[in-house]
């Protein structure tokens, strides 16, 4: 997992940004699930919206024996027509998750596995190696 994070950081660095790993997880999407359009913010469990300093997001696709589960980007200034990505196993997509509204279409055959990750420009938000 660390090797993949470092490869992403090197790729992002080509755009002149120093980034650090903020969060990485394994995600399972069962048949019938989808992720609605969003940007990468979350709440603090008290209903207050938290805007992290995540600069980039990445998704590594772990399998391809499913149908659906496409990554979609809404139309924006830099993507006037929007964009839809059909995932392939072992491919990585890097994007600015705070800048582009995105979603995942409904999975309708088999289970979809991915490894989403987020990268921050704030060293204080770096993920600890050994969480408490």
N, C-alpha and C. Protein backbone atom coordinates (compact mmCIF):
# COMPACT_ATOMS: atom_id res chain seq x y z
N UNK A 1 0.82 -1.18 0.00
CA UNK A 1 0.00 0.00 0.00
C UNK A 1 0.87 1.26 0.00
N UNK A 2 1.91 1.27 0.79
CA UNK A 2 2.79 2.45 0.85
C UNK A 2 3.43 2.72 -0.51
N UNK A 3 3.85 1.68 -1.19
CA UNK A 3 4.47 1.86 -2.50
C UNK A 3 3.51 2.56 -3.46
N UNK A 4 2.26 2.17 -3.44
CA UNK A 4 1.25 2.79 -4.30
C UNK A 4 1.06 4.26 -3.91
N UNK A 5 1.00 4.54 -2.61
CA UNK A 5 0.88 5.94 -2.16
C UNK A 5 2.06 6.77 -2.64
N UNK A 6 3.26 6.24 -2.55
CA UNK A 6 4.45 6.99 -2.95
C UNK A 6 4.47 7.22 -4.47
N UNK A 7 3.98 6.23 -5.24
CA UNK A 7 3.88 6.43 -6.68
C UNK A 7 2.90 7.56 -7.00
N UNK A 8 1.79 7.61 -6.28
CA UNK A 8 0.81 8.69 -6.47
C UNK A 8 1.41 10.04 -6.09
N UNK A 9 2.11 10.09 -4.98
CA UNK A 9 2.74 11.34 -4.54
C UNK A 9 3.74 11.83 -5.58
N UNK A 10 4.49 10.91 -6.17
CA UNK A 10 5.45 11.29 -7.22
C UNK A 10 4.73 11.84 -8.44
N UNK A 11 3.62 11.23 -8.81
CA UNK A 11 2.85 11.70 -9.97
C UNK A 11 2.27 13.09 -9.69
N UNK A 12 1.69 13.28 -8.52
CA UNK A 12 1.14 14.59 -8.15
C UNK A 12 2.24 15.64 -8.10
N UNK A 13 3.44 15.24 -7.66
CA UNK A 13 4.57 16.15 -7.58
C UNK A 13 4.96 16.75 -8.92
N UNK A 14 4.60 16.09 -10.01
CA UNK A 14 4.88 16.63 -11.35
C UNK A 14 4.14 17.94 -11.59
N UNK A 15 3.09 18.20 -10.77
CA UNK A 15 2.32 19.44 -10.89
C UNK A 15 2.81 20.49 -9.89
N UNK A 16 3.95 20.22 -9.24
CA UNK A 16 4.56 21.19 -8.35
C UNK A 16 4.00 21.22 -6.95
N UNK A 17 3.28 20.16 -6.54
CA UNK A 17 2.69 20.13 -5.20
C UNK A 17 3.36 19.08 -4.33
N UNK A 18 3.66 19.45 -3.11
CA UNK A 18 4.12 18.48 -2.12
C UNK A 18 2.88 17.95 -1.42
N UNK A 19 2.66 16.66 -1.48
CA UNK A 19 1.52 16.06 -0.81
C UNK A 19 1.98 14.92 0.09
N UNK A 20 1.08 14.57 1.01
CA UNK A 20 1.34 13.54 2.00
C UNK A 20 0.13 12.63 2.07
N UNK A 21 0.30 11.34 2.40
CA UNK A 21 -0.86 10.45 2.51
C UNK A 21 -1.74 10.87 3.69
N UNK A 22 -3.03 11.02 3.43
CA UNK A 22 -3.97 11.40 4.48
C UNK A 22 -4.81 10.21 4.94
N UNK A 23 -5.32 9.45 3.97
CA UNK A 23 -6.16 8.30 4.32
C UNK A 23 -6.17 7.34 3.14
N UNK A 24 -6.13 6.05 3.45
CA UNK A 24 -6.24 4.99 2.44
C UNK A 24 -7.08 3.88 3.05
N UNK A 25 -7.95 3.30 2.24
CA UNK A 25 -8.80 2.23 2.76
C UNK A 25 -9.13 1.27 1.63
N UNK A 26 -9.69 0.13 1.99
CA UNK A 26 -10.23 -0.81 1.02
C UNK A 26 -11.74 -0.63 1.06
N UNK A 27 -12.34 -0.48 -0.11
CA UNK A 27 -13.78 -0.25 -0.18
C UNK A 27 -14.46 -1.37 -0.94
N UNK A 28 -15.54 -1.88 -0.37
CA UNK A 28 -16.35 -2.93 -0.99
C UNK A 28 -17.71 -2.33 -1.34
N UNK A 29 -18.11 -2.45 -2.60
CA UNK A 29 -19.43 -2.00 -3.03
C UNK A 29 -20.21 -3.21 -3.54
N UNK A 30 -21.24 -3.58 -2.80
CA UNK A 30 -22.07 -4.71 -3.18
C UNK A 30 -23.04 -4.33 -4.29
N UNK A 31 -23.63 -5.31 -4.91
CA UNK A 31 -24.63 -5.09 -5.95
C UNK A 31 -25.74 -4.20 -5.38
N UNK A 32 -26.13 -3.20 -6.18
CA UNK A 32 -27.20 -2.29 -5.78
C UNK A 32 -26.73 -1.02 -5.09
N UNK A 33 -25.43 -0.94 -4.77
CA UNK A 33 -24.93 0.26 -4.10
C UNK A 33 -24.37 1.25 -5.12
N UNK A 34 -24.39 2.51 -4.74
CA UNK A 34 -23.83 3.59 -5.54
C UNK A 34 -23.39 4.70 -4.60
N UNK A 35 -22.60 5.62 -5.10
CA UNK A 35 -22.16 6.77 -4.31
C UNK A 35 -22.69 8.02 -5.01
N UNK A 36 -23.52 8.80 -4.32
CA UNK A 36 -24.08 9.99 -4.97
C UNK A 36 -23.03 11.06 -5.22
N UNK A 37 -23.39 12.04 -6.04
CA UNK A 37 -22.48 13.12 -6.39
C UNK A 37 -22.04 13.87 -5.13
N UNK A 38 -20.75 14.13 -5.05
CA UNK A 38 -20.19 14.78 -3.86
C UNK A 38 -18.81 15.37 -4.19
N UNK A 39 -18.29 16.18 -3.30
CA UNK A 39 -16.87 16.50 -3.25
C UNK A 39 -16.37 15.91 -1.95
N UNK A 40 -15.09 15.82 -1.79
CA UNK A 40 -14.53 15.07 -0.66
C UNK A 40 -14.51 15.88 0.64
N UNK A 41 -15.70 16.03 1.22
CA UNK A 41 -15.84 16.61 2.56
C UNK A 41 -16.55 15.56 3.40
N UNK A 42 -16.59 15.74 4.69
CA UNK A 42 -17.28 14.81 5.57
C UNK A 42 -17.81 15.59 6.76
N UNK A 43 -18.60 14.91 7.61
CA UNK A 43 -19.11 15.60 8.79
C UNK A 43 -18.44 15.03 10.03
N UNK A 44 -18.57 15.76 11.13
CA UNK A 44 -17.88 15.40 12.37
C UNK A 44 -18.75 14.54 13.29
N UNK A 45 -19.75 13.87 12.77
CA UNK A 45 -20.70 13.04 13.51
C UNK A 45 -21.66 13.86 14.36
N UNK A 46 -21.54 15.18 14.35
CA UNK A 46 -22.49 16.07 15.02
C UNK A 46 -23.23 16.90 13.98
N UNK A 47 -23.08 16.53 12.72
CA UNK A 47 -23.76 17.23 11.65
C UNK A 47 -23.00 18.43 11.11
N UNK A 48 -21.85 18.75 11.69
CA UNK A 48 -21.06 19.88 11.21
C UNK A 48 -20.14 19.42 10.09
N UNK A 49 -20.19 20.14 8.98
CA UNK A 49 -19.37 19.78 7.83
C UNK A 49 -17.90 20.13 8.10
N UNK A 50 -17.03 19.19 7.80
CA UNK A 50 -15.59 19.38 7.94
C UNK A 50 -15.00 19.41 6.54
N UNK A 51 -14.25 20.44 6.25
CA UNK A 51 -13.59 20.52 4.95
C UNK A 51 -12.11 20.21 5.15
N UNK A 52 -11.69 19.02 4.76
CA UNK A 52 -10.29 18.65 4.97
C UNK A 52 -9.38 19.40 4.00
N UNK A 53 -8.10 19.27 4.22
CA UNK A 53 -7.12 19.90 3.34
C UNK A 53 -6.64 18.91 2.29
N UNK A 54 -7.52 17.97 1.96
CA UNK A 54 -7.19 17.00 0.91
C UNK A 54 -7.04 17.74 -0.40
N UNK A 55 -5.92 17.57 -1.03
CA UNK A 55 -5.69 18.24 -2.32
C UNK A 55 -6.00 17.30 -3.48
N UNK A 56 -5.74 16.02 -3.29
CA UNK A 56 -5.92 15.05 -4.36
C UNK A 56 -6.57 13.79 -3.80
N UNK A 57 -7.24 13.07 -4.67
CA UNK A 57 -7.81 11.78 -4.34
C UNK A 57 -7.36 10.79 -5.40
N UNK A 58 -7.33 9.55 -5.05
CA UNK A 58 -6.98 8.51 -6.00
C UNK A 58 -7.82 7.28 -5.75
N UNK A 59 -8.07 6.52 -6.79
CA UNK A 59 -8.79 5.25 -6.67
C UNK A 59 -8.02 4.20 -7.46
N UNK A 60 -7.62 3.14 -6.78
CA UNK A 60 -7.01 1.99 -7.43
C UNK A 60 -8.10 0.92 -7.54
N UNK A 61 -8.32 0.43 -8.74
CA UNK A 61 -9.36 -0.57 -8.98
C UNK A 61 -8.75 -1.95 -8.81
N UNK A 62 -9.37 -2.76 -7.94
CA UNK A 62 -8.78 -4.04 -7.55
C UNK A 62 -9.34 -5.23 -8.31
N UNK A 63 -10.54 -5.12 -8.85
CA UNK A 63 -11.11 -6.21 -9.63
C UNK A 63 -11.91 -5.64 -10.79
N UNK A 64 -12.29 -6.52 -11.73
CA UNK A 64 -13.06 -6.04 -12.87
C UNK A 64 -14.16 -7.01 -13.27
N UNK A 65 -14.47 -7.95 -12.39
CA UNK A 65 -15.51 -8.92 -12.72
C UNK A 65 -16.89 -8.44 -12.26
N UNK A 66 -17.11 -7.13 -12.28
CA UNK A 66 -18.40 -6.55 -11.90
C UNK A 66 -18.88 -5.68 -13.05
N UNK A 67 -20.12 -5.28 -12.98
CA UNK A 67 -20.70 -4.37 -13.98
C UNK A 67 -21.23 -3.14 -13.24
N UNK A 68 -21.17 -2.00 -13.91
CA UNK A 68 -21.57 -0.74 -13.27
C UNK A 68 -20.36 -0.18 -12.53
N UNK A 69 -20.62 0.61 -11.50
CA UNK A 69 -19.53 1.14 -10.69
C UNK A 69 -18.60 2.08 -11.42
N UNK A 70 -19.14 2.84 -12.39
CA UNK A 70 -18.31 3.78 -13.14
C UNK A 70 -18.09 5.06 -12.35
N UNK A 71 -16.90 5.61 -12.45
CA UNK A 71 -16.58 6.89 -11.82
C UNK A 71 -17.05 8.00 -12.75
N UNK A 72 -17.89 8.89 -12.22
CA UNK A 72 -18.45 9.97 -13.05
C UNK A 72 -18.06 11.32 -12.48
N UNK A 73 -17.71 12.22 -13.39
CA UNK A 73 -17.41 13.61 -13.02
C UNK A 73 -18.48 14.50 -13.65
N UNK A 74 -19.02 15.38 -12.84
CA UNK A 74 -20.03 16.33 -13.31
C UNK A 74 -19.36 17.38 -14.21
N UNK A 75 -20.12 17.99 -15.11
CA UNK A 75 -19.56 19.08 -15.92
C UNK A 75 -19.00 20.20 -15.03
N UNK A 76 -17.86 20.72 -15.40
CA UNK A 76 -17.20 21.80 -14.67
C UNK A 76 -16.42 22.62 -15.69
N UNK A 77 -15.84 23.72 -15.22
CA UNK A 77 -15.10 24.58 -16.14
C UNK A 77 -14.02 23.81 -16.90
N UNK A 78 -13.29 22.98 -16.17
CA UNK A 78 -12.21 22.22 -16.82
C UNK A 78 -12.70 20.96 -17.53
N UNK A 79 -13.94 20.55 -17.25
CA UNK A 79 -14.56 19.38 -17.90
C UNK A 79 -15.97 19.78 -18.35
N UNK A 80 -16.08 20.61 -19.36
CA UNK A 80 -17.40 21.15 -19.72
C UNK A 80 -18.43 20.07 -20.09
N UNK A 81 -17.99 18.93 -20.55
CA UNK A 81 -18.91 17.85 -20.91
C UNK A 81 -19.02 16.80 -19.81
N UNK A 82 -18.31 17.00 -18.69
CA UNK A 82 -18.25 15.95 -17.69
C UNK A 82 -17.37 14.82 -18.20
N UNK A 83 -17.33 13.73 -17.44
CA UNK A 83 -16.50 12.60 -17.86
C UNK A 83 -16.96 11.37 -17.12
N UNK A 84 -16.94 10.23 -17.79
CA UNK A 84 -17.28 8.96 -17.16
C UNK A 84 -16.16 7.97 -17.45
N UNK A 85 -15.64 7.39 -16.38
CA UNK A 85 -14.51 6.45 -16.50
C UNK A 85 -15.00 5.04 -16.20
N UNK A 86 -14.74 4.13 -17.12
CA UNK A 86 -15.07 2.72 -16.91
C UNK A 86 -13.82 2.05 -16.36
N UNK A 87 -13.88 1.60 -15.10
CA UNK A 87 -12.69 1.06 -14.44
C UNK A 87 -12.20 -0.26 -15.01
N UNK A 88 -10.90 -0.44 -14.93
CA UNK A 88 -10.22 -1.70 -15.23
C UNK A 88 -9.35 -2.05 -14.03
N UNK A 89 -9.26 -3.33 -13.73
CA UNK A 89 -8.45 -3.77 -12.60
C UNK A 89 -7.01 -3.31 -12.77
N UNK A 90 -6.40 -2.93 -11.67
CA UNK A 90 -5.00 -2.49 -11.58
C UNK A 90 -4.75 -1.12 -12.20
N UNK A 91 -5.80 -0.37 -12.50
CA UNK A 91 -5.63 1.00 -12.97
C UNK A 91 -5.90 1.96 -11.83
N UNK A 92 -5.24 3.11 -11.89
CA UNK A 92 -5.37 4.14 -10.86
C UNK A 92 -5.87 5.42 -11.52
N UNK A 93 -6.80 6.08 -10.85
CA UNK A 93 -7.27 7.40 -11.29
C UNK A 93 -6.91 8.38 -10.18
N UNK A 94 -6.22 9.47 -10.53
CA UNK A 94 -5.89 10.55 -9.60
C UNK A 94 -6.64 11.80 -10.05
N UNK A 95 -7.24 12.51 -9.09
CA UNK A 95 -7.97 13.73 -9.42
C UNK A 95 -8.08 14.61 -8.19
N UNK A 96 -8.46 15.84 -8.40
CA UNK A 96 -8.63 16.79 -7.30
C UNK A 96 -10.05 16.66 -6.75
N UNK A 97 -10.19 15.85 -5.72
CA UNK A 97 -11.49 15.49 -5.16
C UNK A 97 -12.26 16.63 -4.53
N UNK A 98 -11.58 17.70 -4.19
CA UNK A 98 -12.26 18.88 -3.63
C UNK A 98 -12.70 19.83 -4.73
N UNK A 99 -12.21 19.64 -5.94
CA UNK A 99 -12.51 20.55 -7.05
C UNK A 99 -13.58 20.01 -7.99
N UNK A 100 -13.68 18.71 -8.10
CA UNK A 100 -14.59 18.11 -9.07
C UNK A 100 -15.67 17.29 -8.36
N UNK A 101 -16.93 17.63 -8.62
CA UNK A 101 -18.04 16.83 -8.10
C UNK A 101 -18.00 15.49 -8.85
N UNK A 102 -18.06 14.41 -8.08
CA UNK A 102 -17.94 13.09 -8.66
C UNK A 102 -18.89 12.11 -7.97
N UNK A 103 -19.13 11.00 -8.63
CA UNK A 103 -20.03 9.98 -8.10
C UNK A 103 -19.59 8.62 -8.65
N UNK A 104 -20.23 7.57 -8.15
CA UNK A 104 -20.00 6.22 -8.66
C UNK A 104 -21.38 5.64 -9.00
N UNK A 105 -21.52 5.16 -10.23
CA UNK A 105 -22.81 4.60 -10.65
C UNK A 105 -23.09 3.29 -9.93
N UNK A 106 -24.32 2.89 -9.97
CA UNK A 106 -24.77 1.68 -9.27
C UNK A 106 -24.05 0.44 -9.80
N UNK A 107 -23.62 -0.40 -8.88
CA UNK A 107 -23.03 -1.70 -9.21
C UNK A 107 -24.20 -2.66 -9.44
N UNK A 108 -24.22 -3.34 -10.58
CA UNK A 108 -25.35 -4.23 -10.83
C UNK A 108 -24.98 -5.68 -11.11
N UNK A 109 -23.71 -6.02 -11.08
CA UNK A 109 -23.32 -7.42 -11.14
C UNK A 109 -22.01 -7.62 -10.39
N UNK A 110 -22.00 -8.54 -9.46
CA UNK A 110 -20.85 -8.88 -8.62
C UNK A 110 -20.43 -7.70 -7.73
N UNK A 111 -19.41 -7.90 -6.94
CA UNK A 111 -18.95 -6.90 -5.97
C UNK A 111 -17.75 -6.14 -6.53
N UNK A 112 -17.74 -4.84 -6.28
CA UNK A 112 -16.67 -3.95 -6.77
C UNK A 112 -15.74 -3.65 -5.59
N UNK A 113 -14.43 -3.87 -5.78
CA UNK A 113 -13.43 -3.57 -4.75
C UNK A 113 -12.47 -2.49 -5.27
N UNK A 114 -12.24 -1.49 -4.43
CA UNK A 114 -11.30 -0.43 -4.78
C UNK A 114 -10.46 -0.08 -3.57
N UNK A 115 -9.41 0.67 -3.82
CA UNK A 115 -8.60 1.23 -2.75
C UNK A 115 -8.57 2.75 -2.94
N UNK A 116 -9.56 3.46 -2.35
CA UNK A 116 -9.53 4.91 -2.43
C UNK A 116 -8.48 5.47 -1.49
N UNK A 117 -7.89 6.59 -1.89
CA UNK A 117 -6.89 7.24 -1.03
C UNK A 117 -6.97 8.74 -1.23
N UNK A 118 -6.58 9.47 -0.19
CA UNK A 118 -6.61 10.92 -0.22
C UNK A 118 -5.25 11.44 0.20
N UNK A 119 -4.88 12.57 -0.39
CA UNK A 119 -3.57 13.17 -0.16
C UNK A 119 -3.76 14.62 0.26
N UNK A 120 -3.00 15.05 1.25
CA UNK A 120 -3.10 16.39 1.79
C UNK A 120 -1.84 17.20 1.49
N UNK A 121 -1.98 18.51 1.46
CA UNK A 121 -0.81 19.39 1.32
C UNK A 121 -0.35 19.89 2.68
N UNK A 122 -1.10 19.55 3.73
CA UNK A 122 -0.79 20.01 5.09
C UNK A 122 -0.11 18.89 5.87
N UNK A 123 1.14 19.08 6.18
CA UNK A 123 1.92 18.04 6.89
C UNK A 123 1.26 17.63 8.20
N UNK A 124 0.51 18.55 8.84
CA UNK A 124 -0.14 18.24 10.13
C UNK A 124 -1.28 17.22 9.96
N UNK A 125 -1.79 17.08 8.73
CA UNK A 125 -2.89 16.15 8.49
C UNK A 125 -2.42 14.79 7.99
N UNK A 126 -1.11 14.59 7.95
CA UNK A 126 -0.58 13.32 7.45
C UNK A 126 -1.07 12.18 8.36
N UNK A 127 -1.37 11.08 7.73
CA UNK A 127 -1.84 9.91 8.47
C UNK A 127 -0.71 9.35 9.32
N UNK A 128 -0.97 9.11 10.60
CA UNK A 128 0.09 8.51 11.43
C UNK A 128 0.36 7.08 11.00
N UNK A 129 1.59 6.68 11.07
CA UNK A 129 1.95 5.31 10.70
C UNK A 129 1.34 4.29 11.64
N UNK A 130 1.28 4.61 12.91
CA UNK A 130 0.74 3.69 13.90
C UNK A 130 -0.35 4.39 14.70
N UNK A 131 -1.61 4.32 14.21
CA UNK A 131 -2.69 5.03 14.92
C UNK A 131 -2.89 4.47 16.32
N UNK A 132 -3.39 5.33 17.18
CA UNK A 132 -3.63 4.92 18.59
C UNK A 132 -4.75 3.91 18.68
